[in-house]
Amino acid sequence: MLELIRRLAGALRAAGLGPGRAVAVRTELTPEAFAAHMAAHALGCRVVGVRPGYPPTQLAHVLGLDVDAVLVDPATAAPQLMTGRTLSLGPVPGATDLLAHPGDEGPLEVTARPDDVAALTFTSGSTGRPKGCAITYRALSEHWAWQPRRWSPVAAAFARGFERYLLFGTLASMVVLEFLAPCLLGGGTAVIPEDDGRPLFPYAIERHRITGSIITVPRLYRMLELLDSADVSSLRALMVSGSPIAPRRLRAAAARLGPVVYQGYGQTEAGNVAMLTPEHIAAGVVTPVGLPHPGVELSVRDDDGAELPPGRTGEIFVRSPYIMAGYWGDEAETRDTLRDGWLRTRDLGHVDAAGFLHLEGRSRDVVMVNAVVVYAGPIERVLTGHPDVDEAYVVGAPDEGTGEAVHAFVVPAPGRVPDQAALAARVRAELGADSVPKTITVVPGVPVATSGKPDKRALLTNLF
């Protein structure tokens, strides 16, 4: 791998790339693609991650962010990507094949500069255009996952669990790269599974004797349904992330899988912020999302920006050496998000007396009912607290009578039939009349977006 990185760095240098130049990477998930990422970083390039599945307008937006070259491979060389200078990993008509470059015998010289932007990784774009989070080389050098000499005991144990890591998704995701690092730097092997038509979880775990991976909440639920048909006893670390999971379901997952389940909380802008370990879960600590990593500071603040004491709910702010430097080309949004070195997560929550972080919703995941702000997160928690409900998803939609109305979608617990009237009464009793959903729809499951997260907005298309 190091030799491949050296060769590709020479090819990228010959193509005119180096410190401060930007290369947009849209490739399949392959060893060569990872080597190209590392080679571009060694040269000090700005690596622009292009996620699969972008609609044309979002793709044009991402490729229009001061990109000097686009890197593709034979599987991703779509016409809309063949603009400007195109590089490739493999034979692509009209592109420079980096793998065919003869290379040289010189050493791999790292020319990255600490304060240059190393990567643009993008938010999901669910609120419009994807925002490019600018991560500097200095921040990557301080990142918990990439510095094994400074790993905490928790991080070191986690890395040991990733001895054989099930690697899937896209290298354009900071989450994928963040958890690939402990595998490789801990001496492990990343396994990229071939598609055999069956769910990766649990069948690829059994086939490749996987010891560790990351998993979204919907995939975890599906995996638990299929456990009777697969052997996943090789697992030692399974990181659940991407969206909240009900405490009852987290306990059930740990009971079925054993002491291997971690829960992580983070954002594209901040990386992984907090982690709940199997030891925490075994001790009955399942309500919070974890303790912050060493070097990560948390501050919970009210609407006026004043810090709140433990136990009080407010907006969560994060400060660490590896948060983003800002949103590329969006100074207004950067000013609104970064405050005196602190990152506004726009998540609501509190820190308890033991230092554990608890999430309570999104400050922007709101519905305006009769001009009253109603948060989706607390409603979802109340609904999933009912024994008839396994999952709950709340969204808002325009309403002639109230401006917006709350609509809830619930996935029933096995063998249960949720009573919509009883659920509505439960929300009314705990949160008040404004939070009561106008409709409660029982669904077999939630659609999943390309990011792997629940696509709550897609549920509305079946309602109206």
Protein backbone atom coordinates (compact mmCIF):
# COMPACT_ATOMS: atom_id res chain seq x y z
CA MET A 1 0.00 0.00 0.00
CA LEU A 2 2.79 2.44 0.83
CA GLU A 3 4.45 1.68 -2.51
CA LEU A 4 1.17 2.32 -4.33
CA ILE A 5 0.73 5.61 -2.48
CA ARG A 6 4.27 6.64 -3.49
CA ARG A 7 3.61 5.81 -7.16
CA LEU A 8 0.28 7.64 -7.22
CA ALA A 9 1.79 10.66 -5.50
CA GLY A 10 4.33 10.84 -8.33
CA ALA A 11 1.56 10.57 -10.93
CA LEU A 12 -0.51 13.28 -9.24
CA ARG A 13 2.56 15.53 -9.01
CA ALA A 14 3.24 14.98 -12.70
CA ALA A 15 -0.37 16.03 -13.38
CA GLY A 16 0.34 19.39 -11.76
CA LEU A 17 -1.21 18.75 -8.36
CA GLY A 18 0.38 19.77 -5.10
CA PRO A 19 -0.10 22.02 -2.06
CA GLY A 20 -3.29 24.05 -2.25
CA ARG A 21 -4.61 22.39 -5.41
CA ALA A 22 -7.97 20.62 -5.30
CA VAL A 23 -8.85 17.16 -6.61
CA ALA A 24 -12.42 15.91 -6.47
CA VAL A 25 -12.50 12.14 -5.88
CA ARG A 26 -15.43 10.09 -7.15
CA THR A 27 -14.39 6.46 -7.25
CA GLU A 28 -15.56 3.06 -6.15
CA LEU A 29 -14.37 1.77 -2.81
CA THR A 30 -11.08 0.06 -3.67
CA PRO A 31 -7.52 -0.17 -2.28
CA GLU A 32 -6.37 1.98 -5.20
CA ALA A 33 -8.90 4.68 -4.29
CA PHE A 34 -7.69 4.76 -0.69
CA ALA A 35 -4.09 4.99 -1.92
CA ALA A 36 -5.07 7.91 -4.16
CA HIS A 37 -6.62 9.74 -1.19
CA MET A 38 -3.46 9.26 0.85
CA ALA A 39 -1.22 10.26 -2.06
CA ALA A 40 -3.17 13.48 -2.58
CA HIS A 41 -2.88 14.22 1.13
CA ALA A 42 0.86 13.57 1.11
CA LEU A 43 1.17 16.17 -1.64
CA GLY A 44 -0.91 18.68 0.32
CA CYS A 45 -3.90 18.70 -2.02
CA ARG A 46 -7.42 19.62 -1.00
CA VAL A 47 -9.36 16.37 -1.42
CA VAL A 48 -13.00 17.02 -2.32
CA GLY A 49 -15.11 13.97 -1.53
CA VAL A 50 -17.90 13.29 -4.04
CA ARG A 51 -20.57 11.04 -2.62
CA PRO A 52 -22.43 8.62 -4.89
CA GLY A 53 -26.03 9.43 -5.63
CA TYR A 54 -25.81 13.21 -5.92
CA PRO A 55 -28.57 14.63 -8.15
CA PRO A 56 -27.24 16.76 -11.03
CA THR A 57 -27.68 20.09 -9.26
CA GLN A 58 -25.83 18.97 -6.12
CA LEU A 59 -23.12 17.30 -8.18
CA ALA A 60 -22.58 20.50 -10.15
CA HIS A 61 -22.39 22.44 -6.89
CA VAL A 62 -19.74 20.14 -5.40
CA LEU A 63 -17.62 20.06 -8.56
CA GLY A 64 -17.86 23.84 -8.81
CA LEU A 65 -16.03 24.44 -5.54
CA ASP A 66 -12.66 25.53 -6.97
CA VAL A 67 -11.76 22.04 -8.20
CA ASP A 68 -8.58 21.68 -10.29
CA ALA A 69 -9.07 18.02 -11.31
CA VAL A 70 -11.58 15.21 -11.00
CA LEU A 71 -10.47 11.67 -10.20
CA VAL A 72 -12.68 8.80 -11.39
CA ASP A 73 -12.33 5.13 -12.18
CA PRO A 74 -13.93 3.03 -14.94
CA ALA A 75 -17.05 2.44 -12.83
CA THR A 76 -17.70 6.11 -12.00
CA ALA A 77 -16.64 7.93 -15.17
CA ALA A 78 -20.10 9.39 -15.84
CA PRO A 79 -20.33 12.09 -18.53
CA GLN A 80 -21.17 14.80 -15.99
CA LEU A 81 -17.85 14.11 -14.26
CA MET A 82 -15.77 14.34 -17.42
CA THR A 83 -15.28 18.07 -17.18
CA GLY A 84 -12.04 20.02 -16.95
CA ARG A 85 -8.99 17.91 -16.14
CA THR A 86 -10.00 14.30 -15.56
CA LEU A 87 -7.73 11.75 -13.93
CA SER A 88 -8.54 8.10 -13.52
CA LEU A 89 -7.61 4.89 -11.75
CA GLY A 90 -7.78 2.61 -14.77
CA PRO A 91 -8.45 3.09 -18.47
CA VAL A 92 -11.06 5.80 -19.09
CA PRO A 93 -11.31 7.52 -22.50
CA GLY A 94 -10.19 11.12 -22.31
CA ALA A 95 -8.67 10.77 -18.85
CA THR A 96 -5.11 10.45 -17.61
CA ASP A 97 -4.65 6.98 -16.12
CA LEU A 98 -2.65 7.45 -12.93
CA LEU A 99 -2.04 3.72 -12.50
CA ALA A 100 -0.31 3.64 -15.92
CA HIS A 101 2.14 6.34 -14.88
CA PRO A 102 5.64 4.84 -14.74
CA GLY A 103 6.43 6.59 -11.47
CA ASP A 104 9.91 7.30 -10.26
CA GLU A 105 12.22 5.90 -7.66
CA GLY A 106 12.22 8.96 -5.42
CA PRO A 107 10.99 8.82 -1.83
CA LEU A 108 7.47 9.80 -0.83
CA GLU A 109 7.93 13.42 0.15
CA VAL A 110 5.18 14.91 2.29
CA THR A 111 4.57 18.50 1.21
CA ALA A 112 1.28 19.14 3.03
CA ARG A 113 1.13 22.45 4.92
CA PRO A 114 -0.56 22.48 8.34
CA ASP A 115 -2.98 25.34 7.73
CA ASP A 116 -4.05 24.30 4.23
CA VAL A 117 -7.40 22.58 3.83
CA ALA A 118 -6.84 18.84 3.56
CA ALA A 119 -10.39 17.73 2.84
CA LEU A 120 -13.84 18.96 2.00
CA THR A 121 -16.38 16.54 3.39
CA PHE A 122 -20.01 17.30 2.85
CA THR A 123 -23.10 17.42 4.99
CA SER A 124 -26.05 15.36 3.78
CA GLY A 125 -27.68 18.25 1.95
CA SER A 126 -31.07 17.44 3.43
CA THR A 127 -31.71 21.16 3.93
CA GLY A 128 -30.57 22.17 0.44
CA ARG A 129 -27.12 22.21 -1.07
CA PRO A 130 -24.44 20.08 0.63
CA LYS A 131 -22.12 22.21 2.71
CA GLY A 132 -18.40 21.52 2.36
CA CYS A 133 -16.75 21.17 5.76
CA ALA A 134 -13.14 22.30 5.48
CA ILE A 135 -10.76 20.15 7.56
CA THR A 136 -7.16 21.38 7.74
CA TYR A 137 -4.01 19.28 7.81
CA ARG A 138 -3.39 20.56 11.32
CA ALA A 139 -6.80 19.24 12.39
CA LEU A 140 -6.20 15.85 10.79
CA SER A 141 -2.84 15.67 12.55
CA GLU A 142 -4.66 16.12 15.88
CA HIS A 143 -7.54 13.77 15.11
CA TRP A 144 -8.03 11.05 17.74
CA ALA A 145 -8.36 8.26 15.16
CA TRP A 146 -5.14 9.05 13.29
CA GLN A 147 -2.77 9.30 16.26
CA PRO A 148 -2.22 5.83 17.76
CA ARG A 149 0.54 7.13 20.03
CA ARG A 150 -2.11 9.20 21.79
CA TRP A 151 -4.96 6.70 21.81
CA SER A 152 -6.85 6.49 25.07
CA PRO A 153 -7.41 3.01 26.54
CA VAL A 154 -10.94 3.09 25.07
CA ALA A 155 -9.65 4.00 21.60
CA ALA A 156 -6.92 1.33 21.76
CA ALA A 157 -9.44 -1.35 22.76
CA PHE A 158 -11.72 -0.20 19.98
CA ALA A 159 -8.87 -0.47 17.44
CA ARG A 160 -8.12 -4.02 18.58
CA GLY A 161 -11.73 -4.87 17.89
CA PHE A 162 -11.28 -3.70 14.28
CA GLU A 163 -8.70 -6.38 13.45
CA ARG A 164 -10.86 -7.37 10.46
CA TYR A 165 -12.93 -4.35 9.55
CA LEU A 166 -15.95 -4.61 7.24
CA LEU A 167 -15.34 -1.61 4.97
CA PHE A 168 -18.25 -0.37 2.86
CA GLY A 169 -19.80 2.90 1.73
CA THR A 170 -17.67 5.69 0.28
CA LEU A 171 -14.31 7.25 1.06
CA ALA A 172 -16.04 10.61 0.61
CA SER A 173 -17.50 10.03 4.07
CA MET A 174 -15.48 11.31 7.01
CA VAL A 175 -17.12 8.61 9.15
CA VAL A 176 -15.79 5.84 6.90
CA LEU A 177 -12.25 7.25 6.95
CA GLU A 178 -12.40 8.00 10.67
CA PHE A 179 -13.09 4.37 11.56
CA LEU A 180 -10.84 2.94 8.87
CA ALA A 181 -7.90 4.64 10.61
CA PRO A 182 -8.00 2.60 13.86
CA CYS A 183 -8.14 -0.58 11.80
CA LEU A 184 -5.09 0.14 9.65
CA LEU A 185 -3.02 1.98 12.26
CA GLY A 186 -3.78 -0.77 14.75
CA GLY A 187 -2.37 -3.39 12.37
CA GLY A 188 -5.71 -4.67 11.14
CA THR A 189 -7.09 -5.60 7.73
CA ALA A 190 -9.90 -3.76 5.95
CA VAL A 191 -12.17 -6.18 4.08
CA ILE A 192 -14.20 -4.80 1.17
CA PRO A 193 -16.99 -7.37 0.61
CA GLU A 194 -18.29 -8.38 -2.77
CA ASP A 195 -22.03 -8.04 -3.27
CA ASP A 196 -23.67 -11.46 -3.14
CA GLY A 197 -27.22 -10.10 -3.11
CA ARG A 198 -27.67 -10.53 0.64
CA PRO A 199 -27.46 -7.88 3.37
CA LEU A 200 -23.90 -7.13 4.50
CA PHE A 201 -25.15 -7.41 8.05
CA PRO A 202 -25.03 -10.20 9.12
CA TYR A 203 -23.98 -12.35 6.14
CA ALA A 204 -20.69 -10.62 5.20
CA ILE A 205 -19.68 -10.78 8.87
CA GLU A 206 -20.09 -14.53 8.82
CA ARG A 207 -18.47 -15.00 5.41
CA HIS A 208 -15.34 -12.96 6.16
CA ARG A 209 -15.14 -13.52 9.95
CA ILE A 210 -15.38 -9.79 10.53
CA THR A 211 -14.38 -8.54 13.97
CA GLY A 212 -15.48 -4.90 13.69
CA SER A 213 -17.53 -2.45 11.67
CA ILE A 214 -19.77 0.58 11.80
CA ILE A 215 -23.51 0.28 11.31
CA THR A 216 -26.46 2.64 11.01
CA VAL A 217 -29.52 2.18 13.21
CA PRO A 218 -31.84 0.89 10.44
CA ARG A 219 -29.21 -1.66 9.39
CA LEU A 220 -28.78 -2.77 12.98
CA TYR A 221 -32.50 -3.41 13.32
CA ARG A 222 -32.52 -5.43 10.11
CA MET A 223 -29.44 -7.38 11.21
CA LEU A 224 -31.08 -8.36 14.49
CA GLU A 225 -34.03 -9.76 12.54
CA LEU A 226 -31.66 -11.99 10.54
CA LEU A 227 -29.37 -13.21 13.31
CA ASP A 228 -30.89 -16.67 13.49
CA SER A 229 -29.61 -17.36 9.96
CA ALA A 230 -25.97 -16.26 10.42
CA ASP A 231 -23.01 -16.73 12.75
CA VAL A 232 -21.62 -13.38 13.92
CA SER A 233 -19.60 -14.72 16.83
CA SER A 234 -16.42 -13.23 15.34
CA LEU A 235 -17.61 -9.68 16.18
CA ARG A 236 -15.66 -7.78 18.81
CA ALA A 237 -16.64 -4.16 18.07
CA LEU A 238 -19.74 -2.81 16.33
CA MET A 239 -20.12 0.97 16.29
CA VAL A 240 -23.75 2.14 16.00
CA SER A 241 -24.01 5.70 14.71
CA GLY A 242 -25.79 8.03 12.31
CA SER A 243 -29.04 8.56 14.22
CA PRO A 244 -30.42 8.05 17.73
CA ILE A 245 -31.30 4.58 18.98
CA ALA A 246 -33.87 3.97 21.70
CA PRO A 247 -32.31 2.74 24.97
CA ARG A 248 -34.53 -0.34 24.92
CA ARG A 249 -33.26 -1.28 21.46
CA LEU A 250 -29.65 -0.64 22.49
CA ARG A 251 -30.07 -3.03 25.42
CA ALA A 252 -31.67 -5.62 23.12
CA ALA A 253 -28.80 -5.34 20.61
CA ALA A 254 -26.21 -5.84 23.36
CA ALA A 255 -28.16 -8.80 24.72
CA ARG A 256 -28.24 -10.47 21.30
CA LEU A 257 -24.70 -9.63 20.16
CA GLY A 258 -22.81 -9.67 23.44
CA PRO A 259 -20.36 -7.07 24.82
CA VAL A 260 -19.38 -5.72 21.40
CA VAL A 261 -21.78 -2.82 20.87
CA TYR A 262 -20.52 0.76 20.91
CA GLN A 263 -22.58 3.86 20.29
CA GLY A 264 -21.02 6.93 18.74
CA TYR A 265 -22.11 10.53 18.41
CA GLY A 266 -20.53 12.94 16.00
CA GLN A 267 -21.00 15.22 13.04
CA THR A 268 -19.29 15.82 9.72
CA GLU A 269 -18.20 19.18 11.09
CA ALA A 270 -16.71 17.73 14.28
CA GLY A 271 -15.84 14.08 13.68
CA ASN A 272 -16.69 11.59 16.40
CA VAL A 273 -17.38 13.50 19.61
CA ALA A 274 -18.45 10.92 22.18
CA MET A 275 -18.50 7.16 22.57
CA LEU A 276 -20.53 4.74 24.67
CA THR A 277 -18.65 1.50 25.28
CA PRO A 278 -19.78 -2.09 25.84
CA GLU A 279 -18.72 -1.68 29.47
CA HIS A 280 -21.06 1.28 29.87
CA ILE A 281 -23.95 -0.63 28.32
CA ALA A 282 -23.29 -3.71 30.46
CA ALA A 283 -23.47 -1.44 33.53
CA GLY A 284 -26.90 -0.22 32.43
CA VAL A 285 -25.77 3.12 30.99
CA VAL A 286 -27.83 3.25 27.78
CA THR A 287 -29.59 6.62 27.81
CA PRO A 288 -26.60 8.86 26.97
CA VAL A 289 -24.57 8.69 23.76
CA GLY A 290 -21.26 8.45 25.56
CA LEU A 291 -18.33 10.23 27.14
CA PRO A 292 -16.39 12.75 25.04
CA HIS A 293 -13.05 11.70 23.60
CA PRO A 294 -9.95 13.06 25.36
CA GLY A 295 -9.34 16.57 24.04
CA VAL A 296 -13.02 17.14 23.20
CA GLU A 297 -14.81 19.78 25.28
CA LEU A 298 -18.60 20.12 25.56
CA SER A 299 -20.62 23.19 26.48
CA VAL A 300 -24.41 23.23 26.77
CA ARG A 301 -25.87 26.71 26.27
CA ASP A 302 -29.22 28.46 26.41
CA ASP A 303 -30.74 30.61 23.67
CA ASP A 304 -28.67 33.59 24.79
CA GLY A 305 -25.40 31.65 24.64
CA ALA A 306 -24.99 31.33 28.41
CA GLU A 307 -23.51 28.04 29.61
CA LEU A 308 -25.91 25.78 31.48
CA PRO A 309 -25.03 23.56 34.44
CA PRO A 310 -25.10 19.74 34.30
CA GLY A 311 -28.59 18.36 33.87
CA ARG A 312 -29.99 21.42 32.08
CA THR A 313 -30.98 21.06 28.41
CA GLY A 314 -29.70 23.43 25.78
CA GLU A 315 -27.78 23.53 22.51
CA ILE A 316 -24.59 21.47 22.47
CA PHE A 317 -21.35 23.23 21.54
CA VAL A 318 -18.13 21.30 20.85
CA ARG A 319 -14.50 22.36 20.90
CA SER A 320 -11.62 20.12 19.86
CA PRO A 321 -8.38 20.30 17.85
CA TYR A 322 -10.04 18.54 14.92
CA ILE A 323 -13.28 20.41 14.27
CA MET A 324 -13.69 21.97 10.84
CA ALA A 325 -12.19 25.34 9.97
CA GLY A 326 -15.46 26.42 8.33
CA TYR A 327 -17.80 25.84 5.41
CA TRP A 328 -15.96 26.27 2.12
CA GLY A 329 -17.10 29.42 0.34
CA ASP A 330 -19.85 30.21 2.87
CA GLU A 331 -18.64 32.84 5.32
CA ALA A 332 -22.11 33.63 6.67
CA GLU A 333 -22.87 30.03 7.60
CA THR A 334 -19.36 29.67 9.05
CA ARG A 335 -19.88 32.70 11.31
CA ASP A 336 -23.20 31.29 12.46
CA THR A 337 -21.71 27.87 13.25
CA LEU A 338 -18.27 28.66 14.68
CA ARG A 339 -18.29 30.89 17.76
CA ASP A 340 -14.96 31.80 19.41
CA GLY A 341 -13.46 28.39 18.62
CA TRP A 342 -16.63 26.48 19.52
CA LEU A 343 -18.79 24.60 17.03
CA ARG A 344 -22.57 24.86 17.28
CA THR A 345 -23.87 21.35 16.72
CA ARG A 346 -27.51 22.49 16.55
CA ASP A 347 -28.30 19.44 18.62
CA LEU A 348 -30.13 19.72 21.90
CA GLY A 349 -29.05 17.83 24.99
CA HIS A 350 -27.43 17.93 28.38
CA VAL A 351 -24.38 16.62 30.20
CA ASP A 352 -25.02 14.71 33.41
CA ALA A 353 -22.99 14.86 36.61
CA ALA A 354 -20.78 11.97 35.45
CA GLY A 355 -19.89 13.76 32.21
CA PHE A 356 -22.07 11.64 29.88
CA LEU A 357 -23.70 13.42 26.95
CA HIS A 358 -27.45 12.98 26.45
CA LEU A 359 -29.18 13.98 23.18
CA GLU A 360 -32.70 15.36 23.16
CA GLY A 361 -33.29 16.41 19.56
CA ARG A 362 -32.20 18.78 16.85
CA SER A 363 -32.55 22.51 17.38
CA ARG A 364 -33.53 22.73 13.71
CA ASP A 365 -35.61 19.52 13.66
CA VAL A 366 -38.62 21.57 14.62
CA VAL A 367 -42.25 22.00 13.62
CA MET A 368 -43.97 25.37 14.05
CA VAL A 369 -47.46 24.56 15.37
CA ASN A 370 -49.58 27.67 15.87
CA ALA A 371 -46.30 29.63 15.91
CA VAL A 372 -45.07 27.44 18.78
CA VAL A 373 -41.73 25.66 18.34
CA VAL A 374 -42.22 21.89 18.70
CA TYR A 375 -39.13 19.65 18.67
CA ALA A 376 -39.30 16.30 16.89
CA GLY A 377 -36.74 14.55 19.11
CA PRO A 378 -38.74 14.59 22.37
CA ILE A 379 -41.87 13.33 20.57
CA GLU A 380 -39.89 10.45 19.06
CA ARG A 381 -38.52 9.56 22.49
CA VAL A 382 -41.98 9.53 24.07
CA LEU A 383 -43.35 7.31 21.30
CA THR A 384 -40.47 4.81 21.44
CA GLY A 385 -40.93 4.64 25.19
CA HIS A 386 -44.23 2.85 24.63
CA PRO A 387 -43.87 -0.97 24.64
CA ASP A 388 -45.87 -1.27 21.40
CA VAL A 389 -43.38 0.89 19.46
CA ASP A 390 -39.91 -0.08 18.24
CA GLU A 391 -39.09 2.99 16.18
CA ALA A 392 -40.65 6.43 15.77
CA TYR A 393 -40.02 9.22 13.28
CA VAL A 394 -41.58 12.68 13.44
CA VAL A 395 -41.74 15.25 10.66
CA GLY A 396 -43.62 18.45 10.02
CA ALA A 397 -45.74 19.38 7.02
CA PRO A 398 -47.66 22.52 6.01
CA ASP A 399 -51.12 22.73 7.50
CA GLU A 400 -53.87 25.22 6.70
CA GLY A 401 -55.13 25.30 10.26
CA THR A 402 -51.92 25.49 12.29
CA GLY A 403 -49.23 26.62 9.83
CA GLU A 404 -47.42 23.33 10.27
CA ALA A 405 -48.56 20.06 11.79
CA VAL A 406 -46.74 17.18 13.43
CA HIS A 407 -46.92 13.80 11.69
CA ALA A 408 -45.56 10.65 13.34
CA PHE A 409 -44.64 7.30 11.83
CA VAL A 410 -44.15 4.31 14.11
CA VAL A 411 -42.73 0.84 13.52
CA PRO A 412 -44.51 -1.65 15.80
CA ALA A 413 -42.69 -3.89 18.24
CA PRO A 414 -42.81 -7.56 17.22
CA GLY A 415 -46.28 -8.97 17.79
CA ARG A 416 -47.70 -5.62 18.90
CA VAL A 417 -50.35 -3.36 17.36
CA PRO A 418 -49.86 0.27 18.42
CA ASP A 419 -53.00 2.13 19.50
CA GLN A 420 -52.80 5.58 17.90
CA ALA A 421 -55.14 7.12 20.46
CA ALA A 422 -53.08 5.80 23.34
CA LEU A 423 -49.87 7.10 21.74
CA ALA A 424 -51.41 10.52 21.20
CA ALA A 425 -52.54 10.60 24.83
CA ARG A 426 -49.04 9.67 25.97
CA VAL A 427 -47.51 12.58 24.00
CA ARG A 428 -50.14 14.98 25.32
CA ALA A 429 -49.49 13.93 28.92
CA GLU A 430 -45.71 14.27 28.68
CA LEU A 431 -45.20 17.12 26.22
CA GLY A 432 -48.46 19.06 25.93
CA ALA A 433 -51.14 19.53 23.30
CA ASP A 434 -48.96 21.30 20.71
CA SER A 435 -46.72 18.23 20.43
CA VAL A 436 -49.53 15.77 19.75
CA PRO A 437 -49.17 14.42 16.17
CA LYS A 438 -51.99 15.24 13.82
CA THR A 439 -51.50 11.79 12.32
CA ILE A 440 -49.82 8.65 13.62
CA THR A 441 -49.14 6.13 10.88
CA VAL A 442 -48.01 2.57 11.48
CA VAL A 443 -45.33 1.56 8.95
CA PRO A 444 -43.30 -1.66 8.55
CA GLY A 445 -40.03 0.26 8.36
CA VAL A 446 -38.47 3.59 7.47
CA PRO A 447 -36.94 4.42 4.07
CA VAL A 448 -33.18 4.83 4.18
CA ALA A 449 -31.36 7.65 2.41
CA THR A 450 -28.13 7.10 0.48
CA SER A 451 -26.26 8.22 3.62
CA GLY A 452 -27.67 5.19 5.44
CA LYS A 453 -29.70 7.39 7.76
CA PRO A 454 -33.51 7.25 8.09
CA ASP A 455 -35.16 9.33 5.35
CA LYS A 456 -37.99 10.82 7.36
CA ARG A 457 -39.10 13.15 4.58
CA ALA A 458 -39.72 10.18 2.28
CA LEU A 459 -42.38 8.98 4.71
CA LEU A 460 -44.48 12.04 3.93
CA THR A 461 -44.78 11.07 0.28
CA ASN A 462 -46.87 8.08 1.35
CA LEU A 463 -49.09 10.25 3.52
CA PHE A 464 -50.10 12.97 1.09
